[in-house]
Amino acid sequence: MEPNAHPVSKAGDRNSLCPHYDGCLDYAVDHRWQCWDCSECPHKLEKQALSQAPIVKDENPLYYLPPSILREISHWVN
């Protein structure tokens, strides 16, 4: 995560076009945040060029999770 980025653990708005978005997303996942927000970040209005944004080639991507994570989240689904 970029050193000056400042994601906050609360529901709110995120800037998915920010060049630091991936790092902040990783940070939020590492800290097991249910949601996060960019409102207090100095980069909240930055936007990367769309040509730099990740491209999803499959509109329905399939993600595989390790069994340890599946066991941990199974109670959410049932």
PDB file of N, CA and C in Angstrom:
ATOM      1  N   MET A   1       0.850  -1.176   0.000  1.00  0.00           N
ATOM      2  CA  MET A   1       0.000   0.000   0.000  1.00  0.00           C
ATOM      3  C   MET A   1       0.892   1.234   0.000  1.00  0.00           C
ATOM      4  N   GLU A   2       0.497   2.231  -0.737  1.00  0.00           N
ATOM      5  CA  GLU A   2       1.237   3.495  -0.810  1.00  0.00           C
ATOM      6  C   GLU A   2       1.280   4.098   0.598  1.00  0.00           C
ATOM      7  N   PRO A   3       2.443   4.584   1.060  1.00  0.00           N
ATOM      8  CA  PRO A   3       2.589   5.041   2.443  1.00  0.00           C
ATOM      9  C   PRO A   3       1.601   6.129   2.886  1.00  0.00           C
ATOM     10  N   ASN A   4       1.176   6.999   1.991  1.00  0.00           N
ATOM     11  CA  ASN A   4       0.261   8.071   2.382  1.00  0.00           C
ATOM     12  C   ASN A   4      -1.209   7.705   2.210  1.00  0.00           C
ATOM     13  N   ALA A   5      -1.477   6.520   1.680  1.00  0.00           N
ATOM     14  CA  ALA A   5      -2.870   6.091   1.515  1.00  0.00           C
ATOM     15  C   ALA A   5      -3.476   5.860   2.898  1.00  0.00           C
ATOM     16  N   HIS A   6      -4.767   6.100   2.997  1.00  0.00           N
ATOM     17  CA  HIS A   6      -5.403   5.990   4.316  1.00  0.00           C
ATOM     18  C   HIS A   6      -6.818   5.424   4.194  1.00  0.00           C
ATOM     19  N   PRO A   7      -6.954   4.119   3.874  1.00  0.00           N
ATOM     20  CA  PRO A   7      -8.297   3.543   3.857  1.00  0.00           C
ATOM     21  C   PRO A   7      -8.839   3.455   5.283  1.00  0.00           C
ATOM     22  N   VAL A   8     -10.151   3.512   5.409  1.00  0.00           N
ATOM     23  CA  VAL A   8     -10.806   3.489   6.712  1.00  0.00           C
ATOM     24  C   VAL A   8     -11.784   2.320   6.740  1.00  0.00           C
ATOM     25  N   SER A   9     -11.825   1.629   7.864  1.00  0.00           N
ATOM     26  CA  SER A   9     -12.722   0.477   8.012  1.00  0.00           C
ATOM     27  C   SER A   9     -14.135   0.944   8.345  1.00  0.00           C
ATOM     28  N   LYS A  10     -14.879   1.314   7.306  1.00  0.00           N
ATOM     29  CA  LYS A  10     -16.281   1.710   7.464  1.00  0.00           C
ATOM     30  C   LYS A  10     -16.944   1.662   6.096  1.00  0.00           C
ATOM     31  N   ALA A  11     -18.251   1.581   6.087  1.00  0.00           N
ATOM     32  CA  ALA A  11     -18.985   1.608   4.821  1.00  0.00           C
ATOM     33  C   ALA A  11     -18.890   3.000   4.227  1.00  0.00           C
ATOM     34  N   GLY A  12     -18.770   3.081   2.925  1.00  0.00           N
ATOM     35  CA  GLY A  12     -18.673   4.381   2.275  1.00  0.00           C
ATOM     36  C   GLY A  12     -18.302   4.230   0.818  1.00  0.00           C
ATOM     37  N   ASP A  13     -17.689   5.261   0.286  1.00  0.00           N
ATOM     38  CA  ASP A  13     -17.324   5.283  -1.129  1.00  0.00           C
ATOM     39  C   ASP A  13     -15.850   4.937  -1.307  1.00  0.00           C
ATOM     40  N   ARG A  14     -15.590   4.198  -2.371  1.00  0.00           N
ATOM     41  CA  ARG A  14     -14.214   3.879  -2.749  1.00  0.00           C
ATOM     42  C   ARG A  14     -13.970   4.370  -4.161  1.00  0.00           C
ATOM     43  N   ASN A  15     -12.747   4.777  -4.416  1.00  0.00           N
ATOM     44  CA  ASN A  15     -12.345   5.225  -5.740  1.00  0.00           C
ATOM     45  C   ASN A  15     -11.632   4.068  -6.430  1.00  0.00           C
ATOM     46  N   SER A  16     -12.377   3.275  -7.185  1.00  0.00           N
ATOM     47  CA  SER A  16     -11.783   2.091  -7.826  1.00  0.00           C
ATOM     48  C   SER A  16     -10.827   2.450  -8.957  1.00  0.00           C
ATOM     49  N   LEU A  17     -10.802   3.705  -9.380  1.00  0.00           N
ATOM     50  CA  LEU A  17      -9.863   4.132 -10.419  1.00  0.00           C
ATOM     51  C   LEU A  17      -8.576   4.721  -9.845  1.00  0.00           C
ATOM     52  N   CYS A  18      -8.476   4.765  -8.530  1.00  0.00           N
ATOM     53  CA  CYS A  18      -7.263   5.293  -7.885  1.00  0.00           C
ATOM     54  C   CYS A  18      -6.087   4.370  -8.197  1.00  0.00           C
ATOM     55  N   PRO A  19      -4.917   4.922  -8.492  1.00  0.00           N
ATOM     56  CA  PRO A  19      -3.755   4.073  -8.781  1.00  0.00           C
ATOM     57  C   PRO A  19      -3.307   3.260  -7.566  1.00  0.00           C
ATOM     58  N   HIS A  20      -3.779   3.594  -6.373  1.00  0.00           N
ATOM     59  CA  HIS A  20      -3.396   2.883  -5.149  1.00  0.00           C
ATOM     60  C   HIS A  20      -4.486   1.916  -4.675  1.00  0.00           C
ATOM     61  N   TYR A  21      -5.566   1.790  -5.447  1.00  0.00           N
ATOM     62  CA  TYR A  21      -6.720   0.978  -5.043  1.00  0.00           C
ATOM     63  C   TYR A  21      -6.335  -0.464  -4.713  1.00  0.00           C
ATOM     64  N   ASP A  22      -5.533  -1.099  -5.555  1.00  0.00           N
ATOM     65  CA  ASP A  22      -5.160  -2.501  -5.328  1.00  0.00           C
ATOM     66  C   ASP A  22      -4.444  -2.678  -3.989  1.00  0.00           C
ATOM     67  N   GLY A  23      -3.547  -1.763  -3.669  1.00  0.00           N
ATOM     68  CA  GLY A  23      -2.826  -1.845  -2.397  1.00  0.00           C
ATOM     69  C   GLY A  23      -3.753  -1.672  -1.207  1.00  0.00           C
ATOM     70  N   CYS A  24      -4.697  -0.754  -1.325  1.00  0.00           N
ATOM     71  CA  CYS A  24      -5.648  -0.540  -0.235  1.00  0.00           C
ATOM     72  C   CYS A  24      -6.598  -1.728  -0.097  1.00  0.00           C
ATOM     73  N   LEU A  25      -6.993  -2.310  -1.219  1.00  0.00           N
ATOM     74  CA  LEU A  25      -7.847  -3.492  -1.183  1.00  0.00           C
ATOM     75  C   LEU A  25      -7.116  -4.640  -0.484  1.00  0.00           C
ATOM     76  N   ASP A  26      -5.859  -4.849  -0.833  1.00  0.00           N
ATOM     77  CA  ASP A  26      -5.065  -5.884  -0.165  1.00  0.00           C
ATOM     78  C   ASP A  26      -4.984  -5.625   1.334  1.00  0.00           C
ATOM     79  N   TYR A  27      -4.793  -4.371   1.714  1.00  0.00           N
ATOM     80  CA  TYR A  27      -4.711  -3.987   3.129  1.00  0.00           C
ATOM     81  C   TYR A  27      -6.027  -4.312   3.847  1.00  0.00           C
ATOM     82  N   ALA A  28      -7.142  -3.953   3.228  1.00  0.00           N
ATOM     83  CA  ALA A  28      -8.453  -4.217   3.824  1.00  0.00           C
ATOM     84  C   ALA A  28      -8.690  -5.721   3.977  1.00  0.00           C
ATOM     85  N   VAL A  29      -8.300  -6.492   2.983  1.00  0.00           N
ATOM     86  CA  VAL A  29      -8.470  -7.949   3.055  1.00  0.00           C
ATOM     87  C   VAL A  29      -7.575  -8.525   4.149  1.00  0.00           C
ATOM     88  N   ASP A  30      -6.317  -8.087   4.202  1.00  0.00           N
ATOM     89  CA  ASP A  30      -5.389  -8.577   5.228  1.00  0.00           C
ATOM     90  C   ASP A  30      -5.911  -8.318   6.634  1.00  0.00           C
ATOM     91  N   HIS A  31      -6.637  -7.202   6.805  1.00  0.00           N
ATOM     92  CA  HIS A  31      -7.183  -6.845   8.119  1.00  0.00           C
ATOM     93  C   HIS A  31      -8.616  -7.339   8.320  1.00  0.00           C
ATOM     94  N   ARG A  32      -9.108  -8.108   7.330  1.00  0.00           N
ATOM     95  CA  ARG A  32     -10.440  -8.724   7.391  1.00  0.00           C
ATOM     96  C   ARG A  32     -11.565  -7.710   7.609  1.00  0.00           C
ATOM     97  N   TRP A  33     -11.425  -6.572   6.946  1.00  0.00           N
ATOM     98  CA  TRP A  33     -12.484  -5.565   7.034  1.00  0.00           C
ATOM     99  C   TRP A  33     -13.680  -6.024   6.211  1.00  0.00           C
ATOM    100  N   GLN A  34     -14.881  -5.851   6.726  1.00  0.00           N
ATOM    101  CA  GLN A  34     -16.101  -6.164   5.988  1.00  0.00           C
ATOM    102  C   GLN A  34     -16.306  -5.150   4.854  1.00  0.00           C
ATOM    103  N   CYS A  35     -15.906  -3.909   5.082  1.00  0.00           N
ATOM    104  CA  CYS A  35     -16.036  -2.848   4.082  1.00  0.00           C
ATOM    105  C   CYS A  35     -14.938  -1.822   4.363  1.00  0.00           C
ATOM    106  N   TRP A  36     -14.738  -0.924   3.419  1.00  0.00           N
ATOM    107  CA  TRP A  36     -13.757   0.135   3.621  1.00  0.00           C
ATOM    108  C   TRP A  36     -14.104   1.332   2.766  1.00  0.00           C
ATOM    109  N   ASP A  37     -13.460   2.443   3.067  1.00  0.00           N
ATOM    110  CA  ASP A  37     -13.847   3.732   2.517  1.00  0.00           C
ATOM    111  C   ASP A  37     -12.595   4.564   2.238  1.00  0.00           C
ATOM    112  N   CYS A  38     -12.663   5.407   1.214  1.00  0.00           N
ATOM    113  CA  CYS A  38     -11.531   6.267   0.828  1.00  0.00           C
ATOM    114  C   CYS A  38     -11.703   7.719   1.295  1.00  0.00           C
ATOM    115  N   SER A  39     -12.714   8.021   2.071  1.00  0.00           N
ATOM    116  CA  SER A  39     -13.057   9.413   2.375  1.00  0.00           C
ATOM    117  C   SER A  39     -11.958  10.198   3.089  1.00  0.00           C
ATOM    118  N   GLU A  40     -11.086   9.541   3.844  1.00  0.00           N
ATOM    119  CA  GLU A  40     -10.038  10.252   4.582  1.00  0.00           C
ATOM    120  C   GLU A  40      -8.669  10.161   3.915  1.00  0.00           C
ATOM    121  N   CYS A  41      -8.638   9.633   2.697  1.00  0.00           N
ATOM    122  CA  CYS A  41      -7.375   9.437   1.991  1.00  0.00           C
ATOM    123  C   CYS A  41      -7.033  10.648   1.134  1.00  0.00           C
ATOM    124  N   PRO A  42      -5.770  11.079   1.126  1.00  0.00           N
ATOM    125  CA  PRO A  42      -5.377  12.199   0.271  1.00  0.00           C
ATOM    126  C   PRO A  42      -5.441  11.866  -1.222  1.00  0.00           C
ATOM    127  N   HIS A  43      -5.543  10.588  -1.555  1.00  0.00           N
ATOM    128  CA  HIS A  43      -5.602  10.156  -2.956  1.00  0.00           C
ATOM    129  C   HIS A  43      -7.025   9.893  -3.429  1.00  0.00           C
ATOM    130  N   LYS A  44      -8.024  10.244  -2.630  1.00  0.00           N
ATOM    131  CA  LYS A  44      -9.408   9.846  -2.931  1.00  0.00           C
ATOM    132  C   LYS A  44      -9.926  10.343  -4.276  1.00  0.00           C
ATOM    133  N   LEU A  45      -9.334  11.379  -4.827  1.00  0.00           N
ATOM    134  CA  LEU A  45      -9.808  11.903  -6.107  1.00  0.00           C
ATOM    135  C   LEU A  45      -8.902  11.542  -7.285  1.00  0.00           C
ATOM    136  N   GLU A  46      -7.786  10.862  -7.015  1.00  0.00           N
ATOM    137  CA  GLU A  46      -6.873  10.485  -8.097  1.00  0.00           C
ATOM    138  C   GLU A  46      -7.513   9.417  -8.980  1.00  0.00           C
ATOM    139  N   LYS A  47      -7.182   9.463 -10.254  1.00  0.00           N
ATOM    140  CA  LYS A  47      -7.707   8.468 -11.192  1.00  0.00           C
ATOM    141  C   LYS A  47      -6.588   8.044 -12.125  1.00  0.00           C
ATOM    142  N   GLN A  48      -6.452   6.744 -12.317  1.00  0.00           N
ATOM    143  CA  GLN A  48      -5.490   6.241 -13.294  1.00  0.00           C
ATOM    144  C   GLN A  48      -6.170   6.190 -14.655  1.00  0.00           C
ATOM    145  N   ALA A  49      -5.389   6.240 -15.679  1.00  0.00           N
ATOM    146  CA  ALA A  49      -5.942   6.143 -17.026  1.00  0.00           C
ATOM    147  C   ALA A  49      -6.619   4.784 -17.188  1.00  0.00           C
ATOM    148  N   LEU A  50      -7.746   4.745 -17.868  1.00  0.00           N
ATOM    149  CA  LEU A  50      -8.460   3.484 -18.040  1.00  0.00           C
ATOM    150  C   LEU A  50      -7.605   2.430 -18.719  1.00  0.00           C
ATOM    151  N   SER A  51      -6.668   2.855 -19.563  1.00  0.00           N
ATOM    152  CA  SER A  51      -5.782   1.888 -20.215  1.00  0.00           C
ATOM    153  C   SER A  51      -4.874   1.205 -19.196  1.00  0.00           C
ATOM    154  N   GLN A  52      -4.712   1.803 -18.012  1.00  0.00           N
ATOM    155  CA  GLN A  52      -3.890   1.235 -16.951  1.00  0.00           C
ATOM    156  C   GLN A  52      -4.713   0.354 -16.006  1.00  0.00           C
ATOM    157  N   ALA A  53      -6.036   0.469 -16.073  1.00  0.00           N
ATOM    158  CA  ALA A  53      -6.913  -0.281 -15.171  1.00  0.00           C
ATOM    159  C   ALA A  53      -6.913  -1.755 -15.551  1.00  0.00           C
ATOM    160  N   PRO A  54      -7.065  -2.624 -14.545  1.00  0.00           N
ATOM    161  CA  PRO A  54      -7.111  -4.056 -14.857  1.00  0.00           C
ATOM    162  C   PRO A  54      -8.311  -4.391 -15.727  1.00  0.00           C
ATOM    163  N   ILE A  55      -8.133  -5.336 -16.607  1.00  0.00           N
ATOM    164  CA  ILE A  55      -9.201  -5.741 -17.520  1.00  0.00           C
ATOM    165  C   ILE A  55      -9.653  -7.150 -17.147  1.00  0.00           C
ATOM    166  N   VAL A  56     -10.943  -7.322 -16.980  1.00  0.00           N
ATOM    167  CA  VAL A  56     -11.511  -8.639 -16.710  1.00  0.00           C
ATOM    168  C   VAL A  56     -12.039  -9.163 -18.037  1.00  0.00           C
ATOM    169  N   LYS A  57     -11.479 -10.257 -18.505  1.00  0.00           N
ATOM    170  CA  LYS A  57     -11.876 -10.795 -19.802  1.00  0.00           C
ATOM    171  C   LYS A  57     -13.113 -11.674 -19.717  1.00  0.00           C
ATOM    172  N   ASP A  58     -13.387 -12.200 -18.546  1.00  0.00           N
ATOM    173  CA  ASP A  58     -14.541 -13.069 -18.350  1.00  0.00           C
ATOM    174  C   ASP A  58     -15.552 -12.333 -17.488  1.00  0.00           C
ATOM    175  N   GLU A  59     -16.764 -12.194 -17.980  1.00  0.00           N
ATOM    176  CA  GLU A  59     -17.754 -11.453 -17.205  1.00  0.00           C
ATOM    177  C   GLU A  59     -18.228 -12.207 -15.975  1.00  0.00           C
ATOM    178  N   ASN A  60     -17.957 -13.505 -15.914  1.00  0.00           N
ATOM    179  CA  ASN A  60     -18.298 -14.326 -14.754  1.00  0.00           C
ATOM    180  C   ASN A  60     -17.068 -15.103 -14.298  1.00  0.00           C
ATOM    181  N   PRO A  61     -16.073 -14.392 -13.740  1.00  0.00           N
ATOM    182  CA  PRO A  61     -14.851 -15.104 -13.344  1.00  0.00           C
ATOM    183  C   PRO A  61     -15.134 -16.084 -12.206  1.00  0.00           C
ATOM    184  N   LEU A  62     -14.397 -17.157 -12.170  1.00  0.00           N
ATOM    185  CA  LEU A  62     -14.520 -18.170 -11.142  1.00  0.00           C
ATOM    186  C   LEU A  62     -13.283 -18.094 -10.269  1.00  0.00           C
ATOM    187  N   TYR A  63     -13.486 -17.974  -8.976  1.00  0.00           N
ATOM    188  CA  TYR A  63     -12.379 -17.866  -8.050  1.00  0.00           C
ATOM    189  C   TYR A  63     -12.301 -19.124  -7.189  1.00  0.00           C
ATOM    190  N   TYR A  64     -11.122 -19.625  -6.993  1.00  0.00           N
ATOM    191  CA  TYR A  64     -10.902 -20.785  -6.147  1.00  0.00           C
ATOM    192  C   TYR A  64     -10.341 -20.325  -4.810  1.00  0.00           C
ATOM    193  N   LEU A  65     -10.922 -20.817  -3.732  1.00  0.00           N
ATOM    194  CA  LEU A  65     -10.462 -20.475  -2.389  1.00  0.00           C
ATOM    195  C   LEU A  65      -9.857 -21.700  -1.737  1.00  0.00           C
ATOM    196  N   PRO A  66      -8.811 -21.511  -0.954  1.00  0.00           N
ATOM    197  CA  PRO A  66      -8.227 -22.637  -0.239  1.00  0.00           C
ATOM    198  C   PRO A  66      -9.249 -23.216   0.754  1.00  0.00           C
ATOM    199  N   PRO A  67      -9.170 -24.511   1.040  1.00  0.00           N
ATOM    200  CA  PRO A  67     -10.123 -25.144   1.962  1.00  0.00           C
ATOM    201  C   PRO A  67     -10.198 -24.462   3.324  1.00  0.00           C
ATOM    202  N   SER A  68      -9.079 -23.937   3.814  1.00  0.00           N
ATOM    203  CA  SER A  68      -9.095 -23.282   5.135  1.00  0.00           C
ATOM    204  C   SER A  68     -10.016 -22.064   5.138  1.00  0.00           C
ATOM    205  N   ILE A  69     -10.047 -21.316   4.050  1.00  0.00           N
ATOM    206  CA  ILE A  69     -10.931 -20.160   3.961  1.00  0.00           C
ATOM    207  C   ILE A  69     -12.373 -20.618   3.780  1.00  0.00           C
ATOM    208  N   LEU A  70     -12.579 -21.651   2.978  1.00  0.00           N
ATOM    209  CA  LEU A  70     -13.938 -22.157   2.773  1.00  0.00           C
ATOM    210  C   LEU A  70     -14.555 -22.618   4.086  1.00  0.00           C
ATOM    211  N   ARG A  71     -13.771 -23.304   4.937  1.00  0.00           N
ATOM    212  CA  ARG A  71     -14.292 -23.740   6.238  1.00  0.00           C
ATOM    213  C   ARG A  71     -14.652 -22.536   7.099  1.00  0.00           C
ATOM    214  N   GLU A  72     -13.812 -21.518   7.049  1.00  0.00           N
ATOM    215  CA  GLU A  72     -14.034 -20.344   7.888  1.00  0.00           C
ATOM    216  C   GLU A  72     -15.294 -19.583   7.489  1.00  0.00           C
ATOM    217  N   ILE A  73     -15.591 -19.504   6.192  1.00  0.00           N
ATOM    218  CA  ILE A  73     -16.756 -18.716   5.744  1.00  0.00           C
ATOM    219  C   ILE A  73     -18.003 -19.559   5.533  1.00  0.00           C
ATOM    220  N   SER A  74     -17.908 -20.866   5.713  1.00  0.00           N
ATOM    221  CA  SER A  74     -19.067 -21.719   5.427  1.00  0.00           C
ATOM    222  C   SER A  74     -20.278 -21.353   6.268  1.00  0.00           C
ATOM    223  N   HIS A  75     -20.086 -20.847   7.479  1.00  0.00           N
ATOM    224  CA  HIS A  75     -21.231 -20.486   8.323  1.00  0.00           C
ATOM    225  C   HIS A  75     -21.970 -19.247   7.778  1.00  0.00           C
ATOM    226  N   TRP A  76     -21.320 -18.429   6.942  1.00  0.00           N
ATOM    227  CA  TRP A  76     -21.992 -17.263   6.344  1.00  0.00           C
ATOM    228  C   TRP A  76     -23.000 -17.703   5.297  1.00  0.00           C
ATOM    229  N   VAL A  77     -22.690 -18.794   4.605  1.00  0.00           N
ATOM    230  CA  VAL A  77     -23.507 -19.239   3.489  1.00  0.00           C
ATOM    231  C   VAL A  77     -24.709 -20.059   3.967  1.00  0.00           C
ATOM    232  N   ASN A  78     -24.510 -20.825   5.015  1.00  0.00           N
ATOM    233  CA  ASN A  78     -25.574 -21.713   5.500  1.00  0.00           C
ATOM    234  C   ASN A  78     -26.532 -21.041   6.422  1.00  0.00           C
TER     235      ASN A  78
END
